[in-house]
């Protein structure tokens, strides 16, 4: 999993971005439609899952498909995402 640190938010809180594919399980891939809407479906699944731990859509051209989290530690975020994927 690649975690990218980005500029702090307006309140000075540290933020990290993860690509949505890191939040998709093998089962999600199997259940996804096989047509042109596959990527959109997987992104929606990942975004809805990430919201349980504070994830939000990251709207920039420099990081397409990103989901941003307010996090102070890469290890802590990685642990939270691993728990989320197991449940």
PDB file of N, CA and C in Angstrom:
ATOM      1  N   UNK A   1       0.850  -1.174   0.000  1.00  0.00           N
ATOM      2  CA  UNK A   1       0.000   0.000   0.000  1.00  0.00           C
ATOM      3  C   UNK A   1       0.891   1.230   0.000  1.00  0.00           C
ATOM      4  N   UNK A   2       0.623   2.121  -0.934  1.00  0.00           N
ATOM      5  CA  UNK A   2       1.373   3.356  -0.994  1.00  0.00           C
ATOM      6  C   UNK A   2       0.548   4.477  -0.377  1.00  0.00           C
ATOM      7  N   UNK A   3       1.114   5.101   0.638  1.00  0.00           N
ATOM      8  CA  UNK A   3       0.466   6.216   1.322  1.00  0.00           C
ATOM      9  C   UNK A   3       1.278   7.470   1.019  1.00  0.00           C
ATOM     10  N   UNK A   4       0.599   8.505   0.536  1.00  0.00           N
ATOM     11  CA  UNK A   4       1.265   9.749   0.166  1.00  0.00           C
ATOM     12  C   UNK A   4       0.823  10.856   1.107  1.00  0.00           C
ATOM     13  N   UNK A   5       1.806  11.509   1.726  1.00  0.00           N
ATOM     14  CA  UNK A   5       1.498  12.629   2.601  1.00  0.00           C
ATOM     15  C   UNK A   5       1.285  13.855   1.723  1.00  0.00           C
ATOM     16  N   UNK A   6       0.238  14.608   2.032  1.00  0.00           N
ATOM     17  CA  UNK A   6      -0.058  15.822   1.276  1.00  0.00           C
ATOM     18  C   UNK A   6      -0.095  17.009   2.233  1.00  0.00           C
ATOM     19  N   UNK A   7      -0.301  18.170   1.677  1.00  0.00           N
ATOM     20  CA  UNK A   7      -0.363  19.403   2.462  1.00  0.00           C
ATOM     21  C   UNK A   7      -1.430  19.303   3.545  1.00  0.00           C
ATOM     22  N   UNK A   8      -1.132  19.851   4.718  1.00  0.00           N
ATOM     23  CA  UNK A   8      -2.082  19.855   5.835  1.00  0.00           C
ATOM     24  C   UNK A   8      -3.364  20.582   5.459  1.00  0.00           C
ATOM     25  N   UNK A   9      -4.440  20.256   6.168  1.00  0.00           N
ATOM     26  CA  UNK A   9      -5.693  20.963   5.912  1.00  0.00           C
ATOM     27  C   UNK A   9      -5.624  22.369   6.520  1.00  0.00           C
ATOM     28  N   UNK A  10      -6.692  23.112   6.381  1.00  0.00           N
ATOM     29  CA  UNK A  10      -6.719  24.514   6.813  1.00  0.00           C
ATOM     30  C   UNK A  10      -6.490  24.660   8.321  1.00  0.00           C
ATOM     31  N   UNK A  11      -6.790  23.619   9.088  1.00  0.00           N
ATOM     32  CA  UNK A  11      -6.604  23.647  10.538  1.00  0.00           C
ATOM     33  C   UNK A  11      -5.258  23.093  10.977  1.00  0.00           C
ATOM     34  N   UNK A  12      -4.418  22.710  10.025  1.00  0.00           N
ATOM     35  CA  UNK A  12      -3.092  22.199  10.352  1.00  0.00           C
ATOM     36  C   UNK A  12      -3.032  20.704  10.588  1.00  0.00           C
ATOM     37  N   UNK A  13      -4.134  20.007  10.346  1.00  0.00           N
ATOM     38  CA  UNK A  13      -4.146  18.556  10.544  1.00  0.00           C
ATOM     39  C   UNK A  13      -3.450  17.847   9.384  1.00  0.00           C
ATOM     40  N   UNK A  14      -2.661  16.852   9.712  1.00  0.00           N
ATOM     41  CA  UNK A  14      -1.924  16.088   8.724  1.00  0.00           C
ATOM     42  C   UNK A  14      -2.873  15.237   7.881  1.00  0.00           C
ATOM     43  N   UNK A  15      -2.591  15.139   6.566  1.00  0.00           N
ATOM     44  CA  UNK A  15      -3.452  14.355   5.683  1.00  0.00           C
ATOM     45  C   UNK A  15      -2.624  13.374   4.868  1.00  0.00           C
ATOM     46  N   UNK A  16      -3.239  12.244   4.552  1.00  0.00           N
ATOM     47  CA  UNK A  16      -2.614  11.201   3.751  1.00  0.00           C
ATOM     48  C   UNK A  16      -3.585  10.759   2.664  1.00  0.00           C
ATOM     49  N   UNK A  17      -3.046  10.383   1.494  1.00  0.00           N
ATOM     50  CA  UNK A  17      -3.859   9.915   0.380  1.00  0.00           C
ATOM     51  C   UNK A  17      -3.467   8.487   0.043  1.00  0.00           C
ATOM     52  N   UNK A  18      -4.491   7.679  -0.229  1.00  0.00           N
ATOM     53  CA  UNK A  18      -4.321   6.282  -0.628  1.00  0.00           C
ATOM     54  C   UNK A  18      -5.106   6.089  -1.922  1.00  0.00           C
ATOM     55  N   UNK A  19      -4.566   5.300  -2.841  1.00  0.00           N
ATOM     56  CA  UNK A  19      -5.311   5.006  -4.073  1.00  0.00           C
ATOM     57  C   UNK A  19      -6.463   4.070  -3.740  1.00  0.00           C
ATOM     58  N   UNK A  20      -7.586   4.247  -4.412  1.00  0.00           N
ATOM     59  CA  UNK A  20      -8.783   3.468  -4.088  1.00  0.00           C
ATOM     60  C   UNK A  20      -8.587   1.971  -4.263  1.00  0.00           C
ATOM     61  N   UNK A  21      -7.707   1.543  -5.139  1.00  0.00           N
ATOM     62  CA  UNK A  21      -7.482   0.110  -5.361  1.00  0.00           C
ATOM     63  C   UNK A  21      -6.985  -0.569  -4.082  1.00  0.00           C
ATOM     64  N   UNK A  22      -6.303   0.179  -3.217  1.00  0.00           N
ATOM     65  CA  UNK A  22      -5.820  -0.382  -1.948  1.00  0.00           C
ATOM     66  C   UNK A  22      -6.956  -0.655  -0.969  1.00  0.00           C
ATOM     67  N   UNK A  23      -8.154  -0.189  -1.268  1.00  0.00           N
ATOM     68  CA  UNK A  23      -9.310  -0.393  -0.400  1.00  0.00           C
ATOM     69  C   UNK A  23     -10.332  -1.362  -1.004  1.00  0.00           C
ATOM     70  N   UNK A  24      -9.922  -2.073  -2.045  1.00  0.00           N
ATOM     71  CA  UNK A  24     -10.797  -3.021  -2.725  1.00  0.00           C
ATOM     72  C   UNK A  24     -10.298  -4.430  -2.453  1.00  0.00           C
ATOM     73  N   UNK A  25     -11.205  -5.318  -2.080  1.00  0.00           N
ATOM     74  CA  UNK A  25     -10.835  -6.708  -1.809  1.00  0.00           C
ATOM     75  C   UNK A  25     -11.008  -7.559  -3.063  1.00  0.00           C
ATOM     76  N   UNK A  26     -10.475  -8.768  -3.008  1.00  0.00           N
ATOM     77  CA  UNK A  26     -10.644  -9.709  -4.119  1.00  0.00           C
ATOM     78  C   UNK A  26     -12.122 -10.004  -4.353  1.00  0.00           C
ATOM     79  N   UNK A  27     -12.884 -10.113  -3.288  1.00  0.00           N
ATOM     80  CA  UNK A  27     -14.317 -10.378  -3.422  1.00  0.00           C
ATOM     81  C   UNK A  27     -15.025  -9.228  -4.126  1.00  0.00           C
ATOM     82  N   UNK A  28     -14.608  -8.003  -3.828  1.00  0.00           N
ATOM     83  CA  UNK A  28     -15.179  -6.838  -4.514  1.00  0.00           C
ATOM     84  C   UNK A  28     -14.900  -6.918  -6.011  1.00  0.00           C
ATOM     85  N   UNK A  29     -13.697  -7.336  -6.361  1.00  0.00           N
ATOM     86  CA  UNK A  29     -13.325  -7.448  -7.779  1.00  0.00           C
ATOM     87  C   UNK A  29     -14.157  -8.516  -8.478  1.00  0.00           C
ATOM     88  N   UNK A  30     -14.419  -9.612  -7.771  1.00  0.00           N
ATOM     89  CA  UNK A  30     -15.226 -10.692  -8.355  1.00  0.00           C
ATOM     90  C   UNK A  30     -16.674 -10.254  -8.549  1.00  0.00           C
ATOM     91  N   UNK A  31     -17.181  -9.454  -7.612  1.00  0.00           N
ATOM     92  CA  UNK A  31     -18.579  -9.017  -7.652  1.00  0.00           C
ATOM     93  C   UNK A  31     -18.824  -7.836  -8.594  1.00  0.00           C
ATOM     94  N   UNK A  32     -17.764  -7.193  -9.040  1.00  0.00           N
ATOM     95  CA  UNK A  32     -17.901  -6.001  -9.884  1.00  0.00           C
ATOM     96  C   UNK A  32     -18.386  -6.390 -11.281  1.00  0.00           C
ATOM     97  N   UNK A  33     -19.142  -5.508 -11.914  1.00  0.00           N
ATOM     98  CA  UNK A  33     -19.585  -5.793 -13.285  1.00  0.00           C
ATOM     99  C   UNK A  33     -18.386  -5.856 -14.224  1.00  0.00           C
ATOM    100  N   UNK A  34     -18.528  -6.560 -15.315  1.00  0.00           N
ATOM    101  CA  UNK A  34     -17.408  -6.718 -16.246  1.00  0.00           C
ATOM    102  C   UNK A  34     -17.480  -5.746 -17.418  1.00  0.00           C
ATOM    103  N   UNK A  35     -18.362  -4.783 -17.350  1.00  0.00           N
ATOM    104  CA  UNK A  35     -18.482  -3.825 -18.446  1.00  0.00           C
ATOM    105  C   UNK A  35     -17.716  -2.536 -18.141  1.00  0.00           C
ATOM    106  N   UNK A  36     -18.011  -1.480 -18.864  1.00  0.00           N
ATOM    107  CA  UNK A  36     -17.293  -0.211 -18.730  1.00  0.00           C
ATOM    108  C   UNK A  36     -17.479   0.459 -17.381  1.00  0.00           C
ATOM    109  N   UNK A  37     -18.475   0.059 -16.598  1.00  0.00           N
ATOM    110  CA  UNK A  37     -18.728   0.692 -15.300  1.00  0.00           C
ATOM    111  C   UNK A  37     -17.939   0.045 -14.155  1.00  0.00           C
ATOM    112  N   UNK A  38     -17.049  -0.879 -14.463  1.00  0.00           N
ATOM    113  CA  UNK A  38     -16.293  -1.620 -13.447  1.00  0.00           C
ATOM    114  C   UNK A  38     -15.487  -0.689 -12.526  1.00  0.00           C
ATOM    115  N   UNK A  39     -14.706   0.205 -13.106  1.00  0.00           N
ATOM    116  CA  UNK A  39     -13.857   1.092 -12.307  1.00  0.00           C
ATOM    117  C   UNK A  39     -14.710   2.007 -11.433  1.00  0.00           C
ATOM    118  N   UNK A  40     -15.756   2.539 -12.000  1.00  0.00           N
ATOM    119  CA  UNK A  40     -16.656   3.410 -11.254  1.00  0.00           C
ATOM    120  C   UNK A  40     -17.269   2.660 -10.071  1.00  0.00           C
ATOM    121  N   UNK A  41     -17.674   1.428 -10.306  1.00  0.00           N
ATOM    122  CA  UNK A  41     -18.259   0.602  -9.247  1.00  0.00           C
ATOM    123  C   UNK A  41     -17.238   0.343  -8.144  1.00  0.00           C
ATOM    124  N   UNK A  42     -16.020  -0.042  -8.507  1.00  0.00           N
ATOM    125  CA  UNK A  42     -14.989  -0.331  -7.506  1.00  0.00           C
ATOM    126  C   UNK A  42     -14.620   0.923  -6.719  1.00  0.00           C
ATOM    127  N   UNK A  43     -14.571   2.079  -7.391  1.00  0.00           N
ATOM    128  CA  UNK A  43     -14.276   3.327  -6.696  1.00  0.00           C
ATOM    129  C   UNK A  43     -15.369   3.644  -5.683  1.00  0.00           C
ATOM    130  N   UNK A  44     -16.596   3.433  -6.059  1.00  0.00           N
ATOM    131  CA  UNK A  44     -17.724   3.683  -5.167  1.00  0.00           C
ATOM    132  C   UNK A  44     -17.669   2.766  -3.941  1.00  0.00           C
ATOM    133  N   UNK A  45     -17.357   1.501  -4.158  1.00  0.00           N
ATOM    134  CA  UNK A  45     -17.230   0.544  -3.050  1.00  0.00           C
ATOM    135  C   UNK A  45     -16.115   0.986  -2.101  1.00  0.00           C
ATOM    136  N   UNK A  46     -14.956   1.358  -2.671  1.00  0.00           N
ATOM    137  CA  UNK A  46     -13.815   1.776  -1.854  1.00  0.00           C
ATOM    138  C   UNK A  46     -14.125   3.058  -1.081  1.00  0.00           C
ATOM    139  N   UNK A  47     -14.775   4.008  -1.728  1.00  0.00           N
ATOM    140  CA  UNK A  47     -15.105   5.271  -1.069  1.00  0.00           C
ATOM    141  C   UNK A  47     -16.093   5.051   0.078  1.00  0.00           C
ATOM    142  N   UNK A  48     -17.125   4.268  -0.154  1.00  0.00           N
ATOM    143  CA  UNK A  48     -18.087   3.980   0.911  1.00  0.00           C
ATOM    144  C   UNK A  48     -17.425   3.259   2.078  1.00  0.00           C
ATOM    145  N   UNK A  49     -16.528   2.346   1.781  1.00  0.00           N
ATOM    146  CA  UNK A  49     -15.813   1.622   2.841  1.00  0.00           C
ATOM    147  C   UNK A  49     -14.916   2.578   3.615  1.00  0.00           C
ATOM    148  N   UNK A  50     -14.220   3.459   2.914  1.00  0.00           N
ATOM    149  CA  UNK A  50     -13.270   4.364   3.567  1.00  0.00           C
ATOM    150  C   UNK A  50     -13.953   5.376   4.476  1.00  0.00           C
ATOM    151  N   UNK A  51     -15.186   5.708   4.169  1.00  0.00           N
ATOM    152  CA  UNK A  51     -15.906   6.695   4.986  1.00  0.00           C
ATOM    153  C   UNK A  51     -16.101   6.219   6.421  1.00  0.00           C
ATOM    154  N   UNK A  52     -16.048   4.919   6.647  1.00  0.00           N
ATOM    155  CA  UNK A  52     -16.181   4.385   8.005  1.00  0.00           C
ATOM    156  C   UNK A  52     -15.019   4.816   8.894  1.00  0.00           C
ATOM    157  N   UNK A  53     -13.866   5.136   8.273  1.00  0.00           N
ATOM    158  CA  UNK A  53     -12.714   5.583   9.052  1.00  0.00           C
ATOM    159  C   UNK A  53     -12.292   7.006   8.666  1.00  0.00           C
ATOM    160  N   UNK A  54     -13.226   7.768   8.105  1.00  0.00           N
ATOM    161  CA  UNK A  54     -12.984   9.180   7.833  1.00  0.00           C
ATOM    162  C   UNK A  54     -12.442   9.501   6.455  1.00  0.00           C
ATOM    163  N   UNK A  55     -12.491   8.570   5.524  1.00  0.00           N
ATOM    164  CA  UNK A  55     -11.997   8.818   4.174  1.00  0.00           C
ATOM    165  C   UNK A  55     -12.931   9.708   3.376  1.00  0.00           C
ATOM    166  N   UNK A  56     -12.337  10.509   2.502  1.00  0.00           N
ATOM    167  CA  UNK A  56     -13.110  11.390   1.624  1.00  0.00           C
ATOM    168  C   UNK A  56     -12.481  11.383   0.240  1.00  0.00           C
ATOM    169  N   UNK A  57     -13.275  11.734  -0.745  1.00  0.00           N
ATOM    170  CA  UNK A  57     -12.798  11.823  -2.129  1.00  0.00           C
ATOM    171  C   UNK A  57     -11.712  12.884  -2.212  1.00  0.00           C
ATOM    172  N   UNK A  58     -10.622  12.569  -2.924  1.00  0.00           N
ATOM    173  CA  UNK A  58      -9.540  13.533  -3.117  1.00  0.00           C
ATOM    174  C   UNK A  58      -9.633  14.082  -4.529  1.00  0.00           C
ATOM    175  N   UNK A  59      -9.943  15.364  -4.653  1.00  0.00           N
ATOM    176  CA  UNK A  59     -10.241  16.001  -5.938  1.00  0.00           C
ATOM    177  C   UNK A  59      -9.035  16.750  -6.498  1.00  0.00           C
ATOM    178  N   UNK A  60      -8.081  16.060  -7.072  1.00  0.00           N
ATOM    179  CA  UNK A  60      -6.985  16.749  -7.752  1.00  0.00           C
ATOM    180  C   UNK A  60      -6.623  15.995  -9.018  1.00  0.00           C
ATOM    181  N   UNK A  61      -6.045  16.697  -9.955  1.00  0.00           N
ATOM    182  CA  UNK A  61      -5.582  16.058 -11.178  1.00  0.00           C
ATOM    183  C   UNK A  61      -4.299  15.278 -10.928  1.00  0.00           C
ATOM    184  N   UNK A  62      -3.536  15.676  -9.917  1.00  0.00           N
ATOM    185  CA  UNK A  62      -2.239  15.057  -9.662  1.00  0.00           C
ATOM    186  C   UNK A  62      -2.343  13.668  -9.052  1.00  0.00           C
ATOM    187  N   UNK A  63      -3.496  13.321  -8.494  1.00  0.00           N
ATOM    188  CA  UNK A  63      -3.636  12.012  -7.845  1.00  0.00           C
ATOM    189  C   UNK A  63      -5.027  11.481  -8.152  1.00  0.00           C
ATOM    190  N   UNK A  64      -5.224  10.984  -9.340  1.00  0.00           N
ATOM    191  CA  UNK A  64      -6.518  10.442  -9.739  1.00  0.00           C
ATOM    192  C   UNK A  64      -6.865   9.187  -8.967  1.00  0.00           C
ATOM    193  N   UNK A  65      -8.108   9.078  -8.536  1.00  0.00           N
ATOM    194  CA  UNK A  65      -8.551   7.895  -7.804  1.00  0.00           C
ATOM    195  C   UNK A  65      -8.128   7.876  -6.354  1.00  0.00           C
ATOM    196  N   UNK A  66      -7.798   9.022  -5.815  1.00  0.00           N
ATOM    197  CA  UNK A  66      -7.320   9.079  -4.442  1.00  0.00           C
ATOM    198  C   UNK A  66      -8.433   9.238  -3.427  1.00  0.00           C
ATOM    199  N   UNK A  67      -8.158   8.703  -2.239  1.00  0.00           N
ATOM    200  CA  UNK A  67      -9.040   8.888  -1.093  1.00  0.00           C
ATOM    201  C   UNK A  67      -8.170   9.464   0.020  1.00  0.00           C
ATOM    202  N   UNK A  68      -8.606  10.570   0.590  1.00  0.00           N
ATOM    203  CA  UNK A  68      -7.803  11.282   1.578  1.00  0.00           C
ATOM    204  C   UNK A  68      -8.314  10.993   2.991  1.00  0.00           C
ATOM    205  N   UNK A  69      -7.358  10.891   3.912  1.00  0.00           N
ATOM    206  CA  UNK A  69      -7.650  10.643   5.320  1.00  0.00           C
ATOM    207  C   UNK A  69      -6.914  11.671   6.166  1.00  0.00           C
ATOM    208  N   UNK A  70      -7.510  12.056   7.284  1.00  0.00           N
ATOM    209  CA  UNK A  70      -6.801  12.874   8.262  1.00  0.00           C
ATOM    210  C   UNK A  70      -6.084  11.883   9.161  1.00  0.00           C
ATOM    211  N   UNK A  71      -4.766  11.854   9.062  1.00  0.00           N
ATOM    212  CA  UNK A  71      -3.986  10.875   9.823  1.00  0.00           C
ATOM    213  C   UNK A  71      -2.610  11.450  10.137  1.00  0.00           C
ATOM    214  N   UNK A  72      -2.089  11.110  11.289  1.00  0.00           N
ATOM    215  CA  UNK A  72      -0.784  11.607  11.693  1.00  0.00           C
ATOM    216  C   UNK A  72       0.322  10.588  11.496  1.00  0.00           C
ATOM    217  N   UNK A  73      -0.048   9.344  11.220  1.00  0.00           N
ATOM    218  CA  UNK A  73       0.942   8.286  11.085  1.00  0.00           C
ATOM    219  C   UNK A  73       0.553   7.342   9.949  1.00  0.00           C
ATOM    220  N   UNK A  74       1.532   7.024   9.103  1.00  0.00           N
ATOM    221  CA  UNK A  74       1.285   6.056   8.034  1.00  0.00           C
ATOM    222  C   UNK A  74       0.933   4.682   8.606  1.00  0.00           C
ATOM    223  N   UNK A  75       1.639   4.286   9.655  1.00  0.00           N
ATOM    224  CA  UNK A  75       1.401   2.972  10.267  1.00  0.00           C
ATOM    225  C   UNK A  75       0.003   2.855  10.846  1.00  0.00           C
ATOM    226  N   UNK A  76      -0.437   3.910  11.488  1.00  0.00           N
ATOM    227  CA  UNK A  76      -1.776   3.929  12.082  1.00  0.00           C
ATOM    228  C   UNK A  76      -2.852   3.834  10.995  1.00  0.00           C
ATOM    229  N   UNK A  77      -2.680   4.580   9.923  1.00  0.00           N
ATOM    230  CA  UNK A  77      -3.638   4.540   8.818  1.00  0.00           C
ATOM    231  C   UNK A  77      -3.647   3.160   8.160  1.00  0.00           C
ATOM    232  N   UNK A  78      -2.481   2.603   7.951  1.00  0.00           N
ATOM    233  CA  UNK A  78      -2.381   1.271   7.346  1.00  0.00           C
ATOM    234  C   UNK A  78      -3.075   0.224   8.220  1.00  0.00           C
ATOM    235  N   UNK A  79      -2.911   0.334   9.522  1.00  0.00           N
ATOM    236  CA  UNK A  79      -3.564  -0.591  10.445  1.00  0.00           C
ATOM    237  C   UNK A  79      -5.085  -0.442  10.394  1.00  0.00           C
ATOM    238  N   UNK A  80      -5.567   0.788  10.353  1.00  0.00           N
ATOM    239  CA  UNK A  80      -7.017   1.035  10.274  1.00  0.00           C
ATOM    240  C   UNK A  80      -7.600   0.480   8.974  1.00  0.00           C
ATOM    241  N   UNK A  81      -6.886   0.645   7.879  1.00  0.00           N
ATOM    242  CA  UNK A  81      -7.364   0.138   6.591  1.00  0.00           C
ATOM    243  C   UNK A  81      -7.363  -1.387   6.592  1.00  0.00           C
ATOM    244  N   UNK A  82      -6.347  -2.002   7.179  1.00  0.00           N
ATOM    245  CA  UNK A  82      -6.290  -3.470   7.252  1.00  0.00           C
ATOM    246  C   UNK A  82      -7.459  -4.012   8.056  1.00  0.00           C
ATOM    247  N   UNK A  83      -7.796  -3.352   9.167  1.00  0.00           N
ATOM    248  CA  UNK A  83      -8.962  -3.776   9.968  1.00  0.00           C
ATOM    249  C   UNK A  83     -10.235  -3.636   9.174  1.00  0.00           C
ATOM    250  N   UNK A  84     -10.336  -2.565   8.436  1.00  0.00           N
ATOM    251  CA  UNK A  84     -11.522  -2.299   7.627  1.00  0.00           C
ATOM    252  C   UNK A  84     -11.699  -3.353   6.544  1.00  0.00           C
ATOM    253  N   UNK A  85     -10.615  -3.783   5.938  1.00  0.00           N
ATOM    254  CA  UNK A  85     -10.707  -4.783   4.872  1.00  0.00           C
ATOM    255  C   UNK A  85     -11.018  -6.174   5.403  1.00  0.00           C
ATOM    256  N   UNK A  86     -10.675  -6.448   6.649  1.00  0.00           N
ATOM    257  CA  UNK A  86     -10.962  -7.752   7.249  1.00  0.00           C
ATOM    258  C   UNK A  86     -12.413  -7.888   7.671  1.00  0.00           C
ATOM    259  N   UNK A  87     -13.062  -6.762   7.953  1.00  0.00           N
ATOM    260  CA  UNK A  87     -14.453  -6.824   8.434  1.00  0.00           C
ATOM    261  C   UNK A  87     -15.442  -6.907   7.311  1.00  0.00           C
TER     262      UNK A  87
END
